Amino acid sequence: MTAAASPDKHIAAARRRVAHLEALAAACDTADARIRDAAEKRLAALEDTIAKARRQALTSPEAAETFQRLIRERARLLAIMERPGGAE
């Protein structure tokens, strides 16, 4: 029969797990911040494209489809930027 591990070993193991989880949380926050930054940059460029496409969408069915696609992309970007969490 083996002896039970000492409380110090359990505490040390728990501290290692907590440290690992903190490192994972920091990595997730960093990735989330990068995603948000990329979404903001894409949105800035997309707004100009939408403004140009809006005028053309009134005269061409193909341009209207392109305009709708751009609007859907903008909605996805805004959803990414508005979701909770991350480093702020």
PDB file of N, CA and C in Angstrom:
ATOM      1  N   MET A   1       0.838  -1.177   0.000  1.00  0.00           N
ATOM      2  CA  MET A   1       0.000   0.000   0.000  1.00  0.00           C
ATOM      3  C   MET A   1       0.890   1.249   0.000  1.00  0.00           C
ATOM      4  N   THR A   2       0.534   2.242  -0.815  1.00  0.00           N
ATOM      5  CA  THR A   2       1.349   3.446  -0.901  1.00  0.00           C
ATOM      6  C   THR A   2       0.839   4.479   0.087  1.00  0.00           C
ATOM      7  N   ALA A   3       1.738   5.301   0.524  1.00  0.00           N
ATOM      8  CA  ALA A   3       1.371   6.352   1.459  1.00  0.00           C
ATOM      9  C   ALA A   3       0.695   7.484   0.695  1.00  0.00           C
ATOM     10  N   ALA A   4      -0.221   8.148   1.350  1.00  0.00           N
ATOM     11  CA  ALA A   4      -0.919   9.272   0.736  1.00  0.00           C
ATOM     12  C   ALA A   4       0.062  10.427   0.534  1.00  0.00           C
ATOM     13  N   ALA A   5      -0.127  11.163  -0.561  1.00  0.00           N
ATOM     14  CA  ALA A   5       0.737  12.304  -0.853  1.00  0.00           C
ATOM     15  C   ALA A   5       0.520  13.374   0.207  1.00  0.00           C
ATOM     16  N   SER A   6       1.570  14.067   0.497  1.00  0.00           N
ATOM     17  CA  SER A   6       1.464  15.104   1.524  1.00  0.00           C
ATOM     18  C   SER A   6       0.647  16.276   0.996  1.00  0.00           C
ATOM     19  N   PRO A   7       0.041  17.042   1.911  1.00  0.00           N
ATOM     20  CA  PRO A   7      -0.721  18.224   1.472  1.00  0.00           C
ATOM     21  C   PRO A   7       0.149  19.204   0.681  1.00  0.00           C
ATOM     22  N   ASP A   8       1.436  19.279   1.011  1.00  0.00           N
ATOM     23  CA  ASP A   8       2.318  20.203   0.282  1.00  0.00           C
ATOM     24  C   ASP A   8       2.422  19.829  -1.194  1.00  0.00           C
ATOM     25  N   LYS A   9       2.447  18.544  -1.485  1.00  0.00           N
ATOM     26  CA  LYS A   9       2.511  18.108  -2.882  1.00  0.00           C
ATOM     27  C   LYS A   9       1.226  18.463  -3.619  1.00  0.00           C
ATOM     28  N   HIS A  10       0.090  18.305  -2.939  1.00  0.00           N
ATOM     29  CA  HIS A  10      -1.189  18.663  -3.565  1.00  0.00           C
ATOM     30  C   HIS A  10      -1.261  20.164  -3.825  1.00  0.00           C
ATOM     31  N   ILE A  11      -0.795  20.930  -2.862  1.00  0.00           N
ATOM     32  CA  ILE A  11      -0.814  22.392  -3.013  1.00  0.00           C
ATOM     33  C   ILE A  11       0.107  22.807  -4.163  1.00  0.00           C
ATOM     34  N   ALA A  12       1.283  22.219  -4.227  1.00  0.00           N
ATOM     35  CA  ALA A  12       2.222  22.554  -5.303  1.00  0.00           C
ATOM     36  C   ALA A  12       1.635  22.188  -6.671  1.00  0.00           C
ATOM     37  N   ALA A  13       0.994  21.023  -6.743  1.00  0.00           N
ATOM     38  CA  ALA A  13       0.383  20.612  -8.014  1.00  0.00           C
ATOM     39  C   ALA A  13      -0.747  21.554  -8.395  1.00  0.00           C
ATOM     40  N   ALA A  14      -1.542  21.956  -7.421  1.00  0.00           N
ATOM     41  CA  ALA A  14      -2.639  22.883  -7.702  1.00  0.00           C
ATOM     42  C   ALA A  14      -2.095  24.229  -8.177  1.00  0.00           C
ATOM     43  N   ARG A  15      -1.022  24.691  -7.562  1.00  0.00           N
ATOM     44  CA  ARG A  15      -0.420  25.964  -7.971  1.00  0.00           C
ATOM     45  C   ARG A  15       0.114  25.893  -9.402  1.00  0.00           C
ATOM     46  N   ARG A  16       0.710  24.754  -9.763  1.00  0.00           N
ATOM     47  CA  ARG A  16       1.191  24.584 -11.141  1.00  0.00           C
ATOM     48  C   ARG A  16       0.023  24.625 -12.128  1.00  0.00           C
ATOM     49  N   ARG A  17      -1.084  23.969 -11.770  1.00  0.00           N
ATOM     50  CA  ARG A  17      -2.254  23.971 -12.658  1.00  0.00           C
ATOM     51  C   ARG A  17      -2.833  25.377 -12.796  1.00  0.00           C
ATOM     52  N   VAL A  18      -2.894  26.104 -11.681  1.00  0.00           N
ATOM     53  CA  VAL A  18      -3.404  27.479 -11.732  1.00  0.00           C
ATOM     54  C   VAL A  18      -2.495  28.351 -12.598  1.00  0.00           C
ATOM     55  N   ALA A  19      -1.199  28.209 -12.433  1.00  0.00           N
ATOM     56  CA  ALA A  19      -0.257  28.987 -13.243  1.00  0.00           C
ATOM     57  C   ALA A  19      -0.430  28.662 -14.722  1.00  0.00           C
ATOM     58  N   HIS A  20      -0.620  27.392 -15.036  1.00  0.00           N
ATOM     59  CA  HIS A  20      -0.832  26.983 -16.423  1.00  0.00           C
ATOM     60  C   HIS A  20      -2.126  27.602 -16.969  1.00  0.00           C
ATOM     61  N   LEU A  21      -3.188  27.579 -16.177  1.00  0.00           N
ATOM     62  CA  LEU A  21      -4.456  28.163 -16.619  1.00  0.00           C
ATOM     63  C   LEU A  21      -4.345  29.675 -16.802  1.00  0.00           C
ATOM     64  N   GLU A  22      -3.583  30.329 -15.937  1.00  0.00           N
ATOM     65  CA  GLU A  22      -3.373  31.766 -16.094  1.00  0.00           C
ATOM     66  C   GLU A  22      -2.619  32.074 -17.386  1.00  0.00           C
ATOM     67  N   ALA A  23      -1.643  31.242 -17.712  1.00  0.00           N
ATOM     68  CA  ALA A  23      -0.897  31.428 -18.956  1.00  0.00           C
ATOM     69  C   ALA A  23      -1.813  31.226 -20.167  1.00  0.00           C
ATOM     70  N   LEU A  24      -2.679  30.230 -20.099  1.00  0.00           N
ATOM     71  CA  LEU A  24      -3.629  30.009 -21.193  1.00  0.00           C
ATOM     72  C   LEU A  24      -4.592  31.180 -21.330  1.00  0.00           C
ATOM     73  N   ALA A  25      -5.058  31.715 -20.216  1.00  0.00           N
ATOM     74  CA  ALA A  25      -5.970  32.864 -20.249  1.00  0.00           C
ATOM     75  C   ALA A  25      -5.277  34.075 -20.877  1.00  0.00           C
ATOM     76  N   ALA A  26      -4.021  34.292 -20.526  1.00  0.00           N
ATOM     77  CA  ALA A  26      -3.273  35.412 -21.104  1.00  0.00           C
ATOM     78  C   ALA A  26      -3.103  35.229 -22.613  1.00  0.00           C
ATOM     79  N   ALA A  27      -2.819  34.009 -23.039  1.00  0.00           N
ATOM     80  CA  ALA A  27      -2.681  33.739 -24.475  1.00  0.00           C
ATOM     81  C   ALA A  27      -4.000  33.972 -25.205  1.00  0.00           C
ATOM     82  N   CYS A  28      -5.100  33.576 -24.582  1.00  0.00           N
ATOM     83  CA  CYS A  28      -6.425  33.800 -25.188  1.00  0.00           C
ATOM     84  C   CYS A  28      -6.726  35.291 -25.292  1.00  0.00           C
ATOM     85  N   ASP A  29      -6.384  36.047 -24.238  1.00  0.00           N
ATOM     86  CA  ASP A  29      -6.607  37.493 -24.268  1.00  0.00           C
ATOM     87  C   ASP A  29      -5.794  38.148 -25.383  1.00  0.00           C
ATOM     88  N   THR A  30      -4.559  37.709 -25.551  1.00  0.00           N
ATOM     89  CA  THR A  30      -3.703  38.251 -26.608  1.00  0.00           C
ATOM     90  C   THR A  30      -4.276  37.936 -27.986  1.00  0.00           C
ATOM     91  N   ALA A  31      -4.703  36.709 -28.178  1.00  0.00           N
ATOM     92  CA  ALA A  31      -5.287  36.316 -29.466  1.00  0.00           C
ATOM     93  C   ALA A  31      -6.570  37.093 -29.726  1.00  0.00           C
ATOM     94  N   ASP A  32      -7.388  37.255 -28.695  1.00  0.00           N
ATOM     95  CA  ASP A  32      -8.636  37.997 -28.850  1.00  0.00           C
ATOM     96  C   ASP A  32      -8.360  39.445 -29.231  1.00  0.00           C
ATOM     97  N   ALA A  33      -7.363  40.053 -28.613  1.00  0.00           N
ATOM     98  CA  ALA A  33      -7.006  41.439 -28.942  1.00  0.00           C
ATOM     99  C   ALA A  33      -6.531  41.553 -30.387  1.00  0.00           C
ATOM    100  N   ARG A  34      -5.760  40.571 -30.841  1.00  0.00           N
ATOM    101  CA  ARG A  34      -5.298  40.585 -32.236  1.00  0.00           C
ATOM    102  C   ARG A  34      -6.466  40.451 -33.206  1.00  0.00           C
ATOM    103  N   ILE A  35      -7.408  39.588 -32.883  1.00  0.00           N
ATOM    104  CA  ILE A  35      -8.589  39.395 -33.731  1.00  0.00           C
ATOM    105  C   ILE A  35      -9.393  40.680 -33.791  1.00  0.00           C
ATOM    106  N   ARG A  36      -9.603  41.315 -32.641  1.00  0.00           N
ATOM    107  CA  ARG A  36     -10.359  42.573 -32.612  1.00  0.00           C
ATOM    108  C   ARG A  36      -9.647  43.659 -33.414  1.00  0.00           C
ATOM    109  N   ASP A  37      -8.323  43.758 -33.269  1.00  0.00           N
ATOM    110  CA  ASP A  37      -7.564  44.763 -34.030  1.00  0.00           C
ATOM    111  C   ASP A  37      -7.701  44.529 -35.536  1.00  0.00           C
ATOM    112  N   ALA A  38      -7.589  43.272 -35.943  1.00  0.00           N
ATOM    113  CA  ALA A  38      -7.727  42.950 -37.364  1.00  0.00           C
ATOM    114  C   ALA A  38      -9.137  43.280 -37.850  1.00  0.00           C
ATOM    115  N   ALA A  39     -10.139  43.012 -37.030  1.00  0.00           N
ATOM    116  CA  ALA A  39     -11.525  43.312 -37.403  1.00  0.00           C
ATOM    117  C   ALA A  39     -11.717  44.818 -37.549  1.00  0.00           C
ATOM    118  N   GLU A  40     -11.127  45.588 -36.649  1.00  0.00           N
ATOM    119  CA  GLU A  40     -11.240  47.047 -36.734  1.00  0.00           C
ATOM    120  C   GLU A  40     -10.590  47.585 -38.014  1.00  0.00           C
ATOM    121  N   LYS A  41      -9.422  47.066 -38.349  1.00  0.00           N
ATOM    122  CA  LYS A  41      -8.732  47.507 -39.563  1.00  0.00           C
ATOM    123  C   LYS A  41      -9.522  47.137 -40.810  1.00  0.00           C
ATOM    124  N   ARG A  42     -10.046  45.924 -40.832  1.00  0.00           N
ATOM    125  CA  ARG A  42     -10.832  45.486 -41.989  1.00  0.00           C
ATOM    126  C   ARG A  42     -12.099  46.319 -42.100  1.00  0.00           C
ATOM    127  N   LEU A  43     -12.727  46.620 -40.971  1.00  0.00           N
ATOM    128  CA  LEU A  43     -13.949  47.417 -40.991  1.00  0.00           C
ATOM    129  C   LEU A  43     -13.690  48.807 -41.558  1.00  0.00           C
ATOM    130  N   ALA A  44     -12.573  49.406 -41.187  1.00  0.00           N
ATOM    131  CA  ALA A  44     -12.239  50.738 -41.714  1.00  0.00           C
ATOM    132  C   ALA A  44     -12.119  50.706 -43.236  1.00  0.00           C
ATOM    133  N   ALA A  45     -11.452  49.701 -43.760  1.00  0.00           N
ATOM    134  CA  ALA A  45     -11.312  49.573 -45.213  1.00  0.00           C
ATOM    135  C   ALA A  45     -12.651  49.241 -45.859  1.00  0.00           C
ATOM    136  N   LEU A  46     -13.429  48.427 -45.195  1.00  0.00           N
ATOM    137  CA  LEU A  46     -14.711  47.989 -45.736  1.00  0.00           C
ATOM    138  C   LEU A  46     -15.705  49.137 -45.856  1.00  0.00           C
ATOM    139  N   GLU A  47     -15.662  50.062 -44.913  1.00  0.00           N
ATOM    140  CA  GLU A  47     -16.607  51.197 -44.956  1.00  0.00           C
ATOM    141  C   GLU A  47     -16.454  51.998 -46.243  1.00  0.00           C
ATOM    142  N   ASP A  48     -15.221  52.208 -46.683  1.00  0.00           N
ATOM    143  CA  ASP A  48     -14.996  52.925 -47.948  1.00  0.00           C
ATOM    144  C   ASP A  48     -15.559  52.130 -49.127  1.00  0.00           C
ATOM    145  N   THR A  49     -15.332  50.834 -49.116  1.00  0.00           N
ATOM    146  CA  THR A  49     -15.828  49.979 -50.188  1.00  0.00           C
ATOM    147  C   THR A  49     -17.345  49.973 -50.212  1.00  0.00           C
ATOM    148  N   ILE A  50     -17.962  49.947 -49.051  1.00  0.00           N
ATOM    149  CA  ILE A  50     -19.426  49.967 -48.963  1.00  0.00           C
ATOM    150  C   ILE A  50     -19.970  51.277 -49.518  1.00  0.00           C
ATOM    151  N   ALA A  51     -19.329  52.364 -49.185  1.00  0.00           N
ATOM    152  CA  ALA A  51     -19.798  53.675 -49.681  1.00  0.00           C
ATOM    153  C   ALA A  51     -19.782  53.715 -51.209  1.00  0.00           C
ATOM    154  N   LYS A  52     -18.728  53.175 -51.808  1.00  0.00           N
ATOM    155  CA  LYS A  52     -18.651  53.148 -53.267  1.00  0.00           C
ATOM    156  C   LYS A  52     -19.667  52.184 -53.863  1.00  0.00           C
ATOM    157  N   ALA A  53     -19.826  51.042 -53.240  1.00  0.00           N
ATOM    158  CA  ALA A  53     -20.744  50.019 -53.754  1.00  0.00           C
ATOM    159  C   ALA A  53     -22.201  50.449 -53.606  1.00  0.00           C
ATOM    160  N   ARG A  54     -22.499  51.269 -52.613  1.00  0.00           N
ATOM    161  CA  ARG A  54     -23.882  51.713 -52.387  1.00  0.00           C
ATOM    162  C   ARG A  54     -24.422  52.437 -53.617  1.00  0.00           C
ATOM    163  N   ARG A  55     -23.624  53.299 -54.184  1.00  0.00           N
ATOM    164  CA  ARG A  55     -24.070  54.055 -55.372  1.00  0.00           C
ATOM    165  C   ARG A  55     -24.307  53.123 -56.556  1.00  0.00           C
ATOM    166  N   GLN A  56     -23.409  52.176 -56.755  1.00  0.00           N
ATOM    167  CA  GLN A  56     -23.519  51.266 -57.890  1.00  0.00           C
ATOM    168  C   GLN A  56     -24.652  50.255 -57.702  1.00  0.00           C
ATOM    169  N   ALA A  57     -24.992  49.944 -56.453  1.00  0.00           N
ATOM    170  CA  ALA A  57     -26.013  48.935 -56.175  1.00  0.00           C
ATOM    171  C   ALA A  57     -27.388  49.359 -56.683  1.00  0.00           C
ATOM    172  N   LEU A  58     -27.587  50.655 -56.863  1.00  0.00           N
ATOM    173  CA  LEU A  58     -28.882  51.150 -57.329  1.00  0.00           C
ATOM    174  C   LEU A  58     -29.104  50.899 -58.814  1.00  0.00           C
ATOM    175  N   THR A  59     -28.034  50.643 -59.552  1.00  0.00           N
ATOM    176  CA  THR A  59     -28.174  50.513 -61.004  1.00  0.00           C
ATOM    177  C   THR A  59     -27.838  49.135 -61.554  1.00  0.00           C
ATOM    178  N   SER A  60     -27.258  48.271 -60.743  1.00  0.00           N
ATOM    179  CA  SER A  60     -26.813  46.976 -61.257  1.00  0.00           C
ATOM    180  C   SER A  60     -27.157  45.861 -60.278  1.00  0.00           C
ATOM    181  N   PRO A  61     -27.810  44.795 -60.770  1.00  0.00           N
ATOM    182  CA  PRO A  61     -28.114  43.663 -59.885  1.00  0.00           C
ATOM    183  C   PRO A  61     -26.852  42.999 -59.321  1.00  0.00           C
ATOM    184  N   GLU A  62     -25.818  42.915 -60.140  1.00  0.00           N
ATOM    185  CA  GLU A  62     -24.564  42.321 -59.659  1.00  0.00           C
ATOM    186  C   GLU A  62     -23.942  43.183 -58.562  1.00  0.00           C
ATOM    187  N   ALA A  63     -23.972  44.481 -58.764  1.00  0.00           N
ATOM    188  CA  ALA A  63     -23.439  45.404 -57.755  1.00  0.00           C
ATOM    189  C   ALA A  63     -24.282  45.357 -56.484  1.00  0.00           C
ATOM    190  N   ALA A  64     -25.578  45.142 -56.641  1.00  0.00           N
ATOM    191  CA  ALA A  64     -26.452  45.028 -55.469  1.00  0.00           C
ATOM    192  C   ALA A  64     -26.089  43.778 -54.658  1.00  0.00           C
ATOM    193  N   GLU A  65     -25.771  42.685 -55.344  1.00  0.00           N
ATOM    194  CA  GLU A  65     -25.353  41.460 -54.644  1.00  0.00           C
ATOM    195  C   GLU A  65     -24.029  41.686 -53.922  1.00  0.00           C
ATOM    196  N   THR A  66     -23.118  42.375 -54.575  1.00  0.00           N
ATOM    197  CA  THR A  66     -21.834  42.687 -53.950  1.00  0.00           C
ATOM    198  C   THR A  66     -22.043  43.557 -52.718  1.00  0.00           C
ATOM    199  N   PHE A  67     -22.929  44.538 -52.841  1.00  0.00           N
ATOM    200  CA  PHE A  67     -23.238  45.426 -51.726  1.00  0.00           C
ATOM    201  C   PHE A  67     -23.791  44.624 -50.545  1.00  0.00           C
ATOM    202  N   GLN A  68     -24.698  43.713 -50.807  1.00  0.00           N
ATOM    203  CA  GLN A  68     -25.269  42.885 -49.732  1.00  0.00           C
ATOM    204  C   GLN A  68     -24.195  42.022 -49.073  1.00  0.00           C
ATOM    205  N   ARG A  69     -23.281  41.493 -49.868  1.00  0.00           N
ATOM    206  CA  ARG A  69     -22.182  40.690 -49.314  1.00  0.00           C
ATOM    207  C   ARG A  69     -21.306  41.538 -48.393  1.00  0.00           C
ATOM    208  N   LEU A  70     -21.041  42.752 -48.806  1.00  0.00           N
ATOM    209  CA  LEU A  70     -20.235  43.654 -47.984  1.00  0.00           C
ATOM    210  C   LEU A  70     -20.945  43.998 -46.677  1.00  0.00           C
ATOM    211  N   ILE A  71     -22.240  44.192 -46.748  1.00  0.00           N
ATOM    212  CA  ILE A  71     -23.024  44.505 -45.547  1.00  0.00           C
ATOM    213  C   ILE A  71     -22.998  43.315 -44.581  1.00  0.00           C
ATOM    214  N   ARG A  72     -23.097  42.096 -45.116  1.00  0.00           N
ATOM    215  CA  ARG A  72     -23.022  40.903 -44.244  1.00  0.00           C
ATOM    216  C   ARG A  72     -21.646  40.786 -43.598  1.00  0.00           C
ATOM    217  N   GLU A  73     -20.606  41.095 -44.364  1.00  0.00           N
ATOM    218  CA  GLU A  73     -19.255  41.052 -43.798  1.00  0.00           C
ATOM    219  C   GLU A  73     -19.114  42.086 -42.682  1.00  0.00           C
ATOM    220  N   ARG A  74     -19.653  43.280 -42.909  1.00  0.00           N
ATOM    221  CA  ARG A  74     -19.600  44.310 -41.872  1.00  0.00           C
ATOM    222  C   ARG A  74     -20.318  43.845 -40.615  1.00  0.00           C
ATOM    223  N   ALA A  75     -21.446  43.192 -40.764  1.00  0.00           N
ATOM    224  CA  ALA A  75     -22.184  42.685 -39.602  1.00  0.00           C
ATOM    225  C   ALA A  75     -21.350  41.659 -38.828  1.00  0.00           C
ATOM    226  N   ARG A  76     -20.659  40.782 -39.554  1.00  0.00           N
ATOM    227  CA  ARG A  76     -19.798  39.789 -38.878  1.00  0.00           C
ATOM    228  C   ARG A  76     -18.660  40.479 -38.128  1.00  0.00           C
ATOM    229  N   LEU A  77     -18.050  41.483 -38.745  1.00  0.00           N
ATOM    230  CA  LEU A  77     -16.966  42.205 -38.087  1.00  0.00           C
ATOM    231  C   LEU A  77     -17.457  42.928 -36.833  1.00  0.00           C
ATOM    232  N   LEU A  78     -18.609  43.545 -36.925  1.00  0.00           N
ATOM    233  CA  LEU A  78     -19.164  44.230 -35.753  1.00  0.00           C
ATOM    234  C   LEU A  78     -19.483  43.244 -34.634  1.00  0.00           C
ATOM    235  N   ALA A  79     -19.961  42.070 -34.995  1.00  0.00           N
ATOM    236  CA  ALA A  79     -20.248  41.047 -33.987  1.00  0.00           C
ATOM    237  C   ALA A  79     -18.964  40.601 -33.288  1.00  0.00           C
ATOM    238  N   ILE A  80     -17.889  40.465 -34.047  1.00  0.00           N
ATOM    239  CA  ILE A  80     -16.599  40.097 -33.451  1.00  0.00           C
ATOM    240  C   ILE A  80     -16.140  41.178 -32.478  1.00  0.00           C
ATOM    241  N   MET A  81     -16.267  42.410 -32.880  1.00  0.00           N
ATOM    242  CA  MET A  81     -15.790  43.515 -32.057  1.00  0.00           C
ATOM    243  C   MET A  81     -16.642  43.722 -30.813  1.00  0.00           C
ATOM    244  N   GLU A  82     -17.906  43.327 -30.850  1.00  0.00           N
ATOM    245  CA  GLU A  82     -18.810  43.549 -29.731  1.00  0.00           C
ATOM    246  C   GLU A  82     -18.870  42.407 -28.745  1.00  0.00           C
ATOM    247  N   ARG A  83     -18.310  41.252 -29.090  1.00  0.00           N
ATOM    248  CA  ARG A  83     -18.439  40.118 -28.180  1.00  0.00           C
ATOM    249  C   ARG A  83     -17.639  40.383 -26.895  1.00  0.00           C
ATOM    250  N   PRO A  84     -18.147  39.864 -25.802  1.00  0.00           N
ATOM    251  CA  PRO A  84     -17.496  40.118 -24.513  1.00  0.00           C
ATOM    252  C   PRO A  84     -16.185  39.354 -24.363  1.00  0.00           C
ATOM    253  N   GLY A  85     -15.385  39.812 -23.440  1.00  0.00           N
ATOM    254  CA  GLY A  85     -14.136  39.127 -23.134  1.00  0.00           C
ATOM    255  C   GLY A  85     -12.955  39.782 -23.778  1.00  0.00           C
ATOM    256  N   GLY A  86     -11.813  39.224 -23.518  1.00  0.00           N
ATOM    257  CA  GLY A  86     -10.592  39.746 -24.095  1.00  0.00           C
ATOM    258  C   GLY A  86      -9.943  40.795 -23.234  1.00  0.00           C
ATOM    259  N   ALA A  87      -8.804  41.217 -23.649  1.00  0.00           N
ATOM    260  CA  ALA A  87      -8.054  42.230 -22.922  1.00  0.00           C
ATOM    261  C   ALA A  87      -8.490  43.612 -23.404  1.00  0.00           C
ATOM    262  N   GLU A  88      -9.013  44.373 -22.513  1.00  0.00           N
ATOM    263  CA  GLU A  88      -9.501  45.703 -22.880  1.00  0.00           C
ATOM    264  C   GLU A  88      -8.983  46.739 -21.940  1.00  0.00           C
TER     265      GLU A  88
END
